[in-house]
């Protein structure tokens, strides 16, 4: 299923946050593979992942449970996770 424009924009925004927080050089959000395993292929450690999660919480206004960190292995999975959190929040606000 092709990703929506909203999903693509969220993936680019998450990639941008990861690039900035982890100080990755020579990578742009557009060239960042959304299916790259952040831990196994990029070498992101638990502290870096926690930092990224905190920035994402602030950026999107959602809570990311520490128990969910292991699920956040790729930019695409992070985008899907955030989307589900945002939809859940909208349901509570209604």
PDB file of N, CA and C in Angstrom:
ATOM      1  N   UNK A   1       0.847  -1.183   0.000  1.00  0.00           N
ATOM      2  CA  UNK A   1       0.000   0.000   0.000  1.00  0.00           C
ATOM      3  C   UNK A   1       0.889   1.241   0.000  1.00  0.00           C
ATOM      4  N   UNK A   2       0.671   2.148  -0.950  1.00  0.00           N
ATOM      5  CA  UNK A   2       1.511   3.346  -0.974  1.00  0.00           C
ATOM      6  C   UNK A   2       1.228   4.219   0.251  1.00  0.00           C
ATOM      7  N   UNK A   3       2.293   4.853   0.755  1.00  0.00           N
ATOM      8  CA  UNK A   3       2.114   5.670   1.941  1.00  0.00           C
ATOM      9  C   UNK A   3       1.470   7.004   1.572  1.00  0.00           C
ATOM     10  N   UNK A   4       0.705   7.533   2.498  1.00  0.00           N
ATOM     11  CA  UNK A   4       0.032   8.808   2.266  1.00  0.00           C
ATOM     12  C   UNK A   4       1.049   9.944   2.345  1.00  0.00           C
ATOM     13  N   UNK A   5       0.634  11.099   1.860  1.00  0.00           N
ATOM     14  CA  UNK A   5       1.501  12.278   1.930  1.00  0.00           C
ATOM     15  C   UNK A   5       1.791  12.622   3.392  1.00  0.00           C
ATOM     16  N   UNK A   6       0.778  12.470   4.244  1.00  0.00           N
ATOM     17  CA  UNK A   6       0.952  12.751   5.668  1.00  0.00           C
ATOM     18  C   UNK A   6       1.989  11.812   6.287  1.00  0.00           C
ATOM     19  N   UNK A   7       1.914  10.532   5.935  1.00  0.00           N
ATOM     20  CA  UNK A   7       2.880   9.558   6.449  1.00  0.00           C
ATOM     21  C   UNK A   7       4.278   9.892   5.956  1.00  0.00           C
ATOM     22  N   UNK A   8       4.408  10.227   4.675  1.00  0.00           N
ATOM     23  CA  UNK A   8       5.712  10.573   4.099  1.00  0.00           C
ATOM     24  C   UNK A   8       6.298  11.799   4.805  1.00  0.00           C
ATOM     25  N   UNK A   9       5.461  12.797   5.049  1.00  0.00           N
ATOM     26  CA  UNK A   9       5.937  14.003   5.739  1.00  0.00           C
ATOM     27  C   UNK A   9       6.363  13.679   7.170  1.00  0.00           C
ATOM     28  N   UNK A  10       5.614  12.808   7.842  1.00  0.00           N
ATOM     29  CA  UNK A  10       5.971  12.421   9.210  1.00  0.00           C
ATOM     30  C   UNK A  10       7.296  11.657   9.211  1.00  0.00           C
ATOM     31  N   UNK A  11       7.480  10.761   8.238  1.00  0.00           N
ATOM     32  CA  UNK A  11       8.734  10.011   8.130  1.00  0.00           C
ATOM     33  C   UNK A  11       9.904  10.978   7.940  1.00  0.00           C
ATOM     34  N   UNK A  12       9.745  11.976   7.073  1.00  0.00           N
ATOM     35  CA  UNK A  12      10.816  12.958   6.849  1.00  0.00           C
ATOM     36  C   UNK A  12      11.095  13.762   8.118  1.00  0.00           C
ATOM     37  N   UNK A  13      10.037  14.121   8.840  1.00  0.00           N
ATOM     38  CA  UNK A  13      10.218  14.897  10.067  1.00  0.00           C
ATOM     39  C   UNK A  13      10.943  14.061  11.128  1.00  0.00           C
ATOM     40  N   UNK A  14      10.560  12.798  11.266  1.00  0.00           N
ATOM     41  CA  UNK A  14      11.220  11.915  12.237  1.00  0.00           C
ATOM     42  C   UNK A  14      12.679  11.701  11.841  1.00  0.00           C
ATOM     43  N   UNK A  15      12.922  11.475  10.560  1.00  0.00           N
ATOM     44  CA  UNK A  15      14.304  11.300  10.085  1.00  0.00           C
ATOM     45  C   UNK A  15      15.124  12.540  10.398  1.00  0.00           C
ATOM     46  N   UNK A  16      14.533  13.711  10.194  1.00  0.00           N
ATOM     47  CA  UNK A  16      15.233  14.961  10.478  1.00  0.00           C
ATOM     48  C   UNK A  16      15.586  15.060  11.962  1.00  0.00           C
ATOM     49  N   UNK A  17      14.669  14.688  12.826  1.00  0.00           N
ATOM     50  CA  UNK A  17      14.923  14.719  14.273  1.00  0.00           C
ATOM     51  C   UNK A  17      16.046  13.749  14.628  1.00  0.00           C
ATOM     52  N   UNK A  18      15.999  12.555  14.072  1.00  0.00           N
ATOM     53  CA  UNK A  18      17.038  11.555  14.358  1.00  0.00           C
ATOM     54  C   UNK A  18      18.396  12.042  13.865  1.00  0.00           C
ATOM     55  N   UNK A  19      18.440  12.587  12.668  1.00  0.00           N
ATOM     56  CA  UNK A  19      19.701  13.105  12.112  1.00  0.00           C
ATOM     57  C   UNK A  19      20.259  14.200  13.006  1.00  0.00           C
ATOM     58  N   UNK A  20      19.395  15.101  13.445  1.00  0.00           N
ATOM     59  CA  UNK A  20      19.848  16.211  14.292  1.00  0.00           C
ATOM     60  C   UNK A  20      20.299  15.727  15.672  1.00  0.00           C
ATOM     61  N   UNK A  21      19.494  14.888  16.303  1.00  0.00           N
ATOM     62  CA  UNK A  21      19.806  14.429  17.662  1.00  0.00           C
ATOM     63  C   UNK A  21      21.041  13.540  17.713  1.00  0.00           C
ATOM     64  N   UNK A  22      21.226  12.725  16.685  1.00  0.00           N
ATOM     65  CA  UNK A  22      22.367  11.803  16.671  1.00  0.00           C
ATOM     66  C   UNK A  22      23.565  12.374  15.928  1.00  0.00           C
ATOM     67  N   UNK A  23      23.402  13.603  15.448  1.00  0.00           N
ATOM     68  CA  UNK A  23      24.479  14.309  14.735  1.00  0.00           C
ATOM     69  C   UNK A  23      25.047  13.474  13.591  1.00  0.00           C
ATOM     70  N   UNK A  24      24.128  12.935  12.801  1.00  0.00           N
ATOM     71  CA  UNK A  24      24.530  12.140  11.640  1.00  0.00           C
ATOM     72  C   UNK A  24      24.936  13.083  10.519  1.00  0.00           C
ATOM     73  N   UNK A  25      26.063  12.809   9.914  1.00  0.00           N
ATOM     74  CA  UNK A  25      26.554  13.652   8.831  1.00  0.00           C
ATOM     75  C   UNK A  25      26.341  12.942   7.506  1.00  0.00           C
ATOM     76  N   UNK A  26      26.236  13.730   6.470  1.00  0.00           N
ATOM     77  CA  UNK A  26      26.108  13.235   5.099  1.00  0.00           C
ATOM     78  C   UNK A  26      24.829  12.433   4.877  1.00  0.00           C
ATOM     79  N   UNK A  27      23.827  12.653   5.723  1.00  0.00           N
ATOM     80  CA  UNK A  27      22.527  12.024   5.533  1.00  0.00           C
ATOM     81  C   UNK A  27      21.478  13.125   5.579  1.00  0.00           C
ATOM     82  N   UNK A  28      20.557  13.084   4.638  1.00  0.00           N
ATOM     83  CA  UNK A  28      19.443  14.023   4.644  1.00  0.00           C
ATOM     84  C   UNK A  28      18.170  13.253   4.960  1.00  0.00           C
ATOM     85  N   UNK A  29      17.134  13.942   5.404  1.00  0.00           N
ATOM     86  CA  UNK A  29      15.872  13.228   5.644  1.00  0.00           C
ATOM     87  C   UNK A  29      15.391  12.482   4.391  1.00  0.00           C
ATOM     88  N   UNK A  30      15.596  13.073   3.233  1.00  0.00           N
ATOM     89  CA  UNK A  30      15.163  12.447   1.984  1.00  0.00           C
ATOM     90  C   UNK A  30      15.969  11.189   1.650  1.00  0.00           C
ATOM     91  N   UNK A  31      17.234  11.150   2.051  1.00  0.00           N
ATOM     92  CA  UNK A  31      18.070   9.984   1.732  1.00  0.00           C
ATOM     93  C   UNK A  31      18.069   8.934   2.854  1.00  0.00           C
ATOM     94  N   UNK A  32      17.436   9.261   3.981  1.00  0.00           N
ATOM     95  CA  UNK A  32      17.392   8.358   5.130  1.00  0.00           C
ATOM     96  C   UNK A  32      16.420   7.224   4.811  1.00  0.00           C
ATOM     97  N   UNK A  33      16.900   5.986   4.848  1.00  0.00           N
ATOM     98  CA  UNK A  33      16.051   4.824   4.562  1.00  0.00           C
ATOM     99  C   UNK A  33      15.096   4.620   5.739  1.00  0.00           C
ATOM    100  N   UNK A  34      13.776   4.777   5.526  1.00  0.00           N
ATOM    101  CA  UNK A  34      12.833   4.654   6.645  1.00  0.00           C
ATOM    102  C   UNK A  34      12.740   3.246   7.218  1.00  0.00           C
ATOM    103  N   UNK A  35      13.324   2.261   6.513  1.00  0.00           N
ATOM    104  CA  UNK A  35      13.297   0.887   6.999  1.00  0.00           C
ATOM    105  C   UNK A  35      14.644   0.437   7.571  1.00  0.00           C
ATOM    106  N   UNK A  36      15.590   1.355   7.692  1.00  0.00           N
ATOM    107  CA  UNK A  36      16.901   1.059   8.267  1.00  0.00           C
ATOM    108  C   UNK A  36      16.723   0.765   9.757  1.00  0.00           C
ATOM    109  N   UNK A  37      17.258  -0.337  10.224  1.00  0.00           N
ATOM    110  CA  UNK A  37      17.165  -0.689  11.636  1.00  0.00           C
ATOM    111  C   UNK A  37      18.111   0.218  12.421  1.00  0.00           C
ATOM    112  N   UNK A  38      17.539   1.067  13.245  1.00  0.00           N
ATOM    113  CA  UNK A  38      18.328   2.082  13.948  1.00  0.00           C
ATOM    114  C   UNK A  38      19.340   1.467  14.904  1.00  0.00           C
ATOM    115  N   UNK A  39      18.985   0.365  15.523  1.00  0.00           N
ATOM    116  CA  UNK A  39      19.883  -0.265  16.495  1.00  0.00           C
ATOM    117  C   UNK A  39      20.903  -1.156  15.793  1.00  0.00           C
ATOM    118  N   UNK A  40      20.425  -2.102  14.991  1.00  0.00           N
ATOM    119  CA  UNK A  40      21.316  -3.095  14.389  1.00  0.00           C
ATOM    120  C   UNK A  40      22.153  -2.546  13.233  1.00  0.00           C
ATOM    121  N   UNK A  41      21.571  -1.656  12.425  1.00  0.00           N
ATOM    122  CA  UNK A  41      22.290  -1.170  11.249  1.00  0.00           C
ATOM    123  C   UNK A  41      22.947   0.192  11.452  1.00  0.00           C
ATOM    124  N   UNK A  42      22.351   1.020  12.308  1.00  0.00           N
ATOM    125  CA  UNK A  42      22.902   2.362  12.518  1.00  0.00           C
ATOM    126  C   UNK A  42      23.689   2.462  13.819  1.00  0.00           C
ATOM    127  N   UNK A  43      23.513   1.477  14.714  1.00  0.00           N
ATOM    128  CA  UNK A  43      24.262   1.467  15.964  1.00  0.00           C
ATOM    129  C   UNK A  43      23.732   2.409  17.025  1.00  0.00           C
ATOM    130  N   UNK A  44      22.445   2.739  16.969  1.00  0.00           N
ATOM    131  CA  UNK A  44      21.842   3.616  17.976  1.00  0.00           C
ATOM    132  C   UNK A  44      21.743   2.842  19.291  1.00  0.00           C
ATOM    133  N   UNK A  45      22.230   3.445  20.375  1.00  0.00           N
ATOM    134  CA  UNK A  45      22.143   2.759  21.666  1.00  0.00           C
ATOM    135  C   UNK A  45      20.891   3.210  22.419  1.00  0.00           C
ATOM    136  N   UNK A  46      20.654   2.596  23.568  1.00  0.00           N
ATOM    137  CA  UNK A  46      19.418   2.864  24.310  1.00  0.00           C
ATOM    138  C   UNK A  46      19.324   4.316  24.786  1.00  0.00           C
ATOM    139  N   UNK A  47      20.443   4.915  25.117  1.00  0.00           N
ATOM    140  CA  UNK A  47      20.426   6.320  25.551  1.00  0.00           C
ATOM    141  C   UNK A  47      20.041   7.238  24.393  1.00  0.00           C
ATOM    142  N   UNK A  48      20.599   6.966  23.213  1.00  0.00           N
ATOM    143  CA  UNK A  48      20.250   7.764  22.039  1.00  0.00           C
ATOM    144  C   UNK A  48      18.769   7.595  21.697  1.00  0.00           C
ATOM    145  N   UNK A  49      18.291   6.370  21.788  1.00  0.00           N
ATOM    146  CA  UNK A  49      16.889   6.104  21.489  1.00  0.00           C
ATOM    147  C   UNK A  49      15.976   6.824  22.482  1.00  0.00           C
ATOM    148  N   UNK A  50      16.369   6.838  23.745  1.00  0.00           N
ATOM    149  CA  UNK A  50      15.594   7.543  24.768  1.00  0.00           C
ATOM    150  C   UNK A  50      15.560   9.041  24.475  1.00  0.00           C
ATOM    151  N   UNK A  51      16.689   9.600  24.062  1.00  0.00           N
ATOM    152  CA  UNK A  51      16.753  11.016  23.715  1.00  0.00           C
ATOM    153  C   UNK A  51      15.825  11.330  22.545  1.00  0.00           C
ATOM    154  N   UNK A  52      15.883  10.504  21.514  1.00  0.00           N
ATOM    155  CA  UNK A  52      15.013  10.689  20.349  1.00  0.00           C
ATOM    156  C   UNK A  52      13.552  10.588  20.777  1.00  0.00           C
ATOM    157  N   UNK A  53      13.232   9.612  21.625  1.00  0.00           N
ATOM    158  CA  UNK A  53      11.854   9.438  22.086  1.00  0.00           C
ATOM    159  C   UNK A  53      11.358  10.673  22.835  1.00  0.00           C
ATOM    160  N   UNK A  54      12.209  11.258  23.655  1.00  0.00           N
ATOM    161  CA  UNK A  54      11.819  12.461  24.400  1.00  0.00           C
ATOM    162  C   UNK A  54      11.558  13.634  23.453  1.00  0.00           C
ATOM    163  N   UNK A  55      12.399  13.785  22.458  1.00  0.00           N
ATOM    164  CA  UNK A  55      12.198  14.859  21.474  1.00  0.00           C
ATOM    165  C   UNK A  55      10.894  14.627  20.709  1.00  0.00           C
ATOM    166  N   UNK A  56      10.638  13.389  20.330  1.00  0.00           N
ATOM    167  CA  UNK A  56       9.402  13.063  19.616  1.00  0.00           C
ATOM    168  C   UNK A  56       8.177  13.321  20.492  1.00  0.00           C
ATOM    169  N   UNK A  57       8.274  13.008  21.773  1.00  0.00           N
ATOM    170  CA  UNK A  57       7.165  13.289  22.692  1.00  0.00           C
ATOM    171  C   UNK A  57       6.852  14.778  22.705  1.00  0.00           C
ATOM    172  N   UNK A  58       7.896  15.597  22.798  1.00  0.00           N
ATOM    173  CA  UNK A  58       7.703  17.051  22.798  1.00  0.00           C
ATOM    174  C   UNK A  58       7.143  17.534  21.473  1.00  0.00           C
ATOM    175  N   UNK A  59       7.689  17.016  20.394  1.00  0.00           N
ATOM    176  CA  UNK A  59       7.293  17.452  19.043  1.00  0.00           C
ATOM    177  C   UNK A  59       5.832  17.116  18.735  1.00  0.00           C
ATOM    178  N   UNK A  60       5.411  15.917  19.122  1.00  0.00           N
ATOM    179  CA  UNK A  60       4.073  15.443  18.755  1.00  0.00           C
ATOM    180  C   UNK A  60       3.061  15.509  19.900  1.00  0.00           C
ATOM    181  N   UNK A  61       3.523  15.809  21.104  1.00  0.00           N
ATOM    182  CA  UNK A  61       2.607  15.917  22.234  1.00  0.00           C
ATOM    183  C   UNK A  61       1.981  14.594  22.634  1.00  0.00           C
ATOM    184  N   UNK A  62       2.744  13.512  22.474  1.00  0.00           N
ATOM    185  CA  UNK A  62       2.257  12.184  22.864  1.00  0.00           C
ATOM    186  C   UNK A  62       3.238  11.570  23.855  1.00  0.00           C
ATOM    187  N   UNK A  63       2.743  10.626  24.641  1.00  0.00           N
ATOM    188  CA  UNK A  63       3.590   9.900  25.577  1.00  0.00           C
ATOM    189  C   UNK A  63       4.097   8.630  24.903  1.00  0.00           C
ATOM    190  N   UNK A  64       5.401   8.397  24.997  1.00  0.00           N
ATOM    191  CA  UNK A  64       5.991   7.163  24.482  1.00  0.00           C
ATOM    192  C   UNK A  64       6.482   6.369  25.692  1.00  0.00           C
ATOM    193  N   UNK A  65       5.850   5.239  25.931  1.00  0.00           N
ATOM    194  CA  UNK A  65       6.187   4.384  27.070  1.00  0.00           C
ATOM    195  C   UNK A  65       7.569   3.757  26.852  1.00  0.00           C
ATOM    196  N   UNK A  66       8.385   3.765  27.888  1.00  0.00           N
ATOM    197  CA  UNK A  66       9.727   3.167  27.778  1.00  0.00           C
ATOM    198  C   UNK A  66       9.657   1.713  27.329  1.00  0.00           C
ATOM    199  N   UNK A  67       8.607   1.010  27.726  1.00  0.00           N
ATOM    200  CA  UNK A  67       8.447  -0.394  27.327  1.00  0.00           C
ATOM    201  C   UNK A  67       8.272  -0.531  25.816  1.00  0.00           C
ATOM    202  N   UNK A  68       7.877   0.565  25.158  1.00  0.00           N
ATOM    203  CA  UNK A  68       7.673   0.536  23.710  1.00  0.00           C
ATOM    204  C   UNK A  68       8.950   0.847  22.922  1.00  0.00           C
ATOM    205  N   UNK A  69       9.986   1.328  23.581  1.00  0.00           N
ATOM    206  CA  UNK A  69      11.220   1.690  22.870  1.00  0.00           C
ATOM    207  C   UNK A  69      11.742   0.577  21.971  1.00  0.00           C
ATOM    208  N   UNK A  70      11.748  -0.698  22.429  1.00  0.00           N
ATOM    209  CA  UNK A  70      12.265  -1.753  21.545  1.00  0.00           C
ATOM    210  C   UNK A  70      11.471  -1.903  20.240  1.00  0.00           C
ATOM    211  N   UNK A  71      10.222  -1.468  20.229  1.00  0.00           N
ATOM    212  CA  UNK A  71       9.400  -1.543  19.012  1.00  0.00           C
ATOM    213  C   UNK A  71       9.800  -0.484  17.996  1.00  0.00           C
ATOM    214  N   UNK A  72      10.471   0.556  18.445  1.00  0.00           N
ATOM    215  CA  UNK A  72      10.778   1.709  17.600  1.00  0.00           C
ATOM    216  C   UNK A  72      12.113   1.502  16.889  1.00  0.00           C
ATOM    217  N   UNK A  73      12.152   0.485  16.028  1.00  0.00           N
ATOM    218  CA  UNK A  73      13.409   0.076  15.407  1.00  0.00           C
ATOM    219  C   UNK A  73      13.731   0.801  14.116  1.00  0.00           C
ATOM    220  N   UNK A  74      12.701   1.322  13.444  1.00  0.00           N
ATOM    221  CA  UNK A  74      12.928   2.022  12.177  1.00  0.00           C
ATOM    222  C   UNK A  74      12.113   3.310  12.171  1.00  0.00           C
ATOM    223  N   UNK A  75      12.464   4.215  11.281  1.00  0.00           N
ATOM    224  CA  UNK A  75      11.711   5.464  11.155  1.00  0.00           C
ATOM    225  C   UNK A  75      10.262   5.154  10.781  1.00  0.00           C
ATOM    226  N   UNK A  76      10.057   4.181   9.906  1.00  0.00           N
ATOM    227  CA  UNK A  76       8.689   3.835   9.501  1.00  0.00           C
ATOM    228  C   UNK A  76       7.876   3.318  10.700  1.00  0.00           C
ATOM    229  N   UNK A  77       8.478   2.460  11.523  1.00  0.00           N
ATOM    230  CA  UNK A  77       7.781   1.954  12.709  1.00  0.00           C
ATOM    231  C   UNK A  77       7.491   3.078  13.704  1.00  0.00           C
ATOM    232  N   UNK A  78       8.414   4.010  13.835  1.00  0.00           N
ATOM    233  CA  UNK A  78       8.192   5.162  14.713  1.00  0.00           C
ATOM    234  C   UNK A  78       7.013   5.979  14.186  1.00  0.00           C
ATOM    235  N   UNK A  79       6.971   6.212  12.882  1.00  0.00           N
ATOM    236  CA  UNK A  79       5.877   6.981  12.273  1.00  0.00           C
ATOM    237  C   UNK A  79       4.537   6.286  12.517  1.00  0.00           C
ATOM    238  N   UNK A  80       4.502   4.968  12.346  1.00  0.00           N
ATOM    239  CA  UNK A  80       3.260   4.210  12.568  1.00  0.00           C
ATOM    240  C   UNK A  80       2.852   4.272  14.044  1.00  0.00           C
ATOM    241  N   UNK A  81       3.832   4.149  14.924  1.00  0.00           N
ATOM    242  CA  UNK A  81       3.569   4.221  16.361  1.00  0.00           C
ATOM    243  C   UNK A  81       2.980   5.589  16.718  1.00  0.00           C
ATOM    244  N   UNK A  82       3.617   6.651  16.231  1.00  0.00           N
ATOM    245  CA  UNK A  82       3.126   7.994  16.522  1.00  0.00           C
ATOM    246  C   UNK A  82       1.729   8.205  15.954  1.00  0.00           C
ATOM    247  N   UNK A  83       1.487   7.696  14.749  1.00  0.00           N
ATOM    248  CA  UNK A  83       0.172   7.834  14.141  1.00  0.00           C
ATOM    249  C   UNK A  83      -0.884   7.171  15.025  1.00  0.00           C
ATOM    250  N   UNK A  84      -0.595   5.979  15.537  1.00  0.00           N
ATOM    251  CA  UNK A  84      -1.572   5.293  16.387  1.00  0.00           C
ATOM    252  C   UNK A  84      -1.791   6.074  17.684  1.00  0.00           C
ATOM    253  N   UNK A  85      -0.732   6.652  18.228  1.00  0.00           N
ATOM    254  CA  UNK A  85      -0.859   7.461  19.445  1.00  0.00           C
ATOM    255  C   UNK A  85      -1.676   8.719  19.190  1.00  0.00           C
ATOM    256  N   UNK A  86      -1.426   9.365  18.053  1.00  0.00           N
ATOM    257  CA  UNK A  86      -2.156  10.589  17.710  1.00  0.00           C
ATOM    258  C   UNK A  86      -3.628  10.283  17.476  1.00  0.00           C
ATOM    259  N   UNK A  87      -3.930   9.182  16.822  1.00  0.00           N
ATOM    260  CA  UNK A  87      -5.322   8.801  16.591  1.00  0.00           C
ATOM    261  C   UNK A  87      -6.005   8.471  17.910  1.00  0.00           C
ATOM    262  N   UNK A  88      -5.298   7.786  18.797  1.00  0.00           N
ATOM    263  CA  UNK A  88      -5.857   7.467  20.104  1.00  0.00           C
ATOM    264  C   UNK A  88      -6.153   8.707  20.904  1.00  0.00           C
ATOM    265  N   UNK A  89      -5.275   9.694  20.790  1.00  0.00           N
ATOM    266  CA  UNK A  89      -5.461  10.952  21.514  1.00  0.00           C
ATOM    267  C   UNK A  89      -6.675  11.701  20.977  1.00  0.00           C
ATOM    268  N   UNK A  90      -6.842  11.702  19.643  1.00  0.00           N
ATOM    269  CA  UNK A  90      -7.989  12.376  19.041  1.00  0.00           C
ATOM    270  C   UNK A  90      -9.278  11.732  19.521  1.00  0.00           C
ATOM    271  N   UNK A  91      -9.259  10.398  19.661  1.00  0.00           N
ATOM    272  CA  UNK A  91     -10.441   9.694  20.144  1.00  0.00           C
ATOM    273  C   UNK A  91     -10.807  10.107  21.563  1.00  0.00           C
ATOM    274  N   UNK A  92      -9.805  10.382  22.395  1.00  0.00           N
ATOM    275  CA  UNK A  92     -10.050  10.786  23.778  1.00  0.00           C
ATOM    276  C   UNK A  92     -10.562  12.232  23.840  1.00  0.00           C
ATOM    277  N   UNK A  93     -10.098  13.072  22.903  1.00  0.00           N
ATOM    278  CA  UNK A  93     -10.501  14.471  22.897  1.00  0.00           C
ATOM    279  C   UNK A  93     -11.941  14.652  22.421  1.00  0.00           C
ATOM    280  N   UNK A  94     -12.412  13.711  21.619  1.00  0.00           N
ATOM    281  CA  UNK A  94     -13.734  13.865  21.001  1.00  0.00           C
ATOM    282  C   UNK A  94     -14.854  13.725  22.010  1.00  0.00           C
TER     283      UNK A  94
END
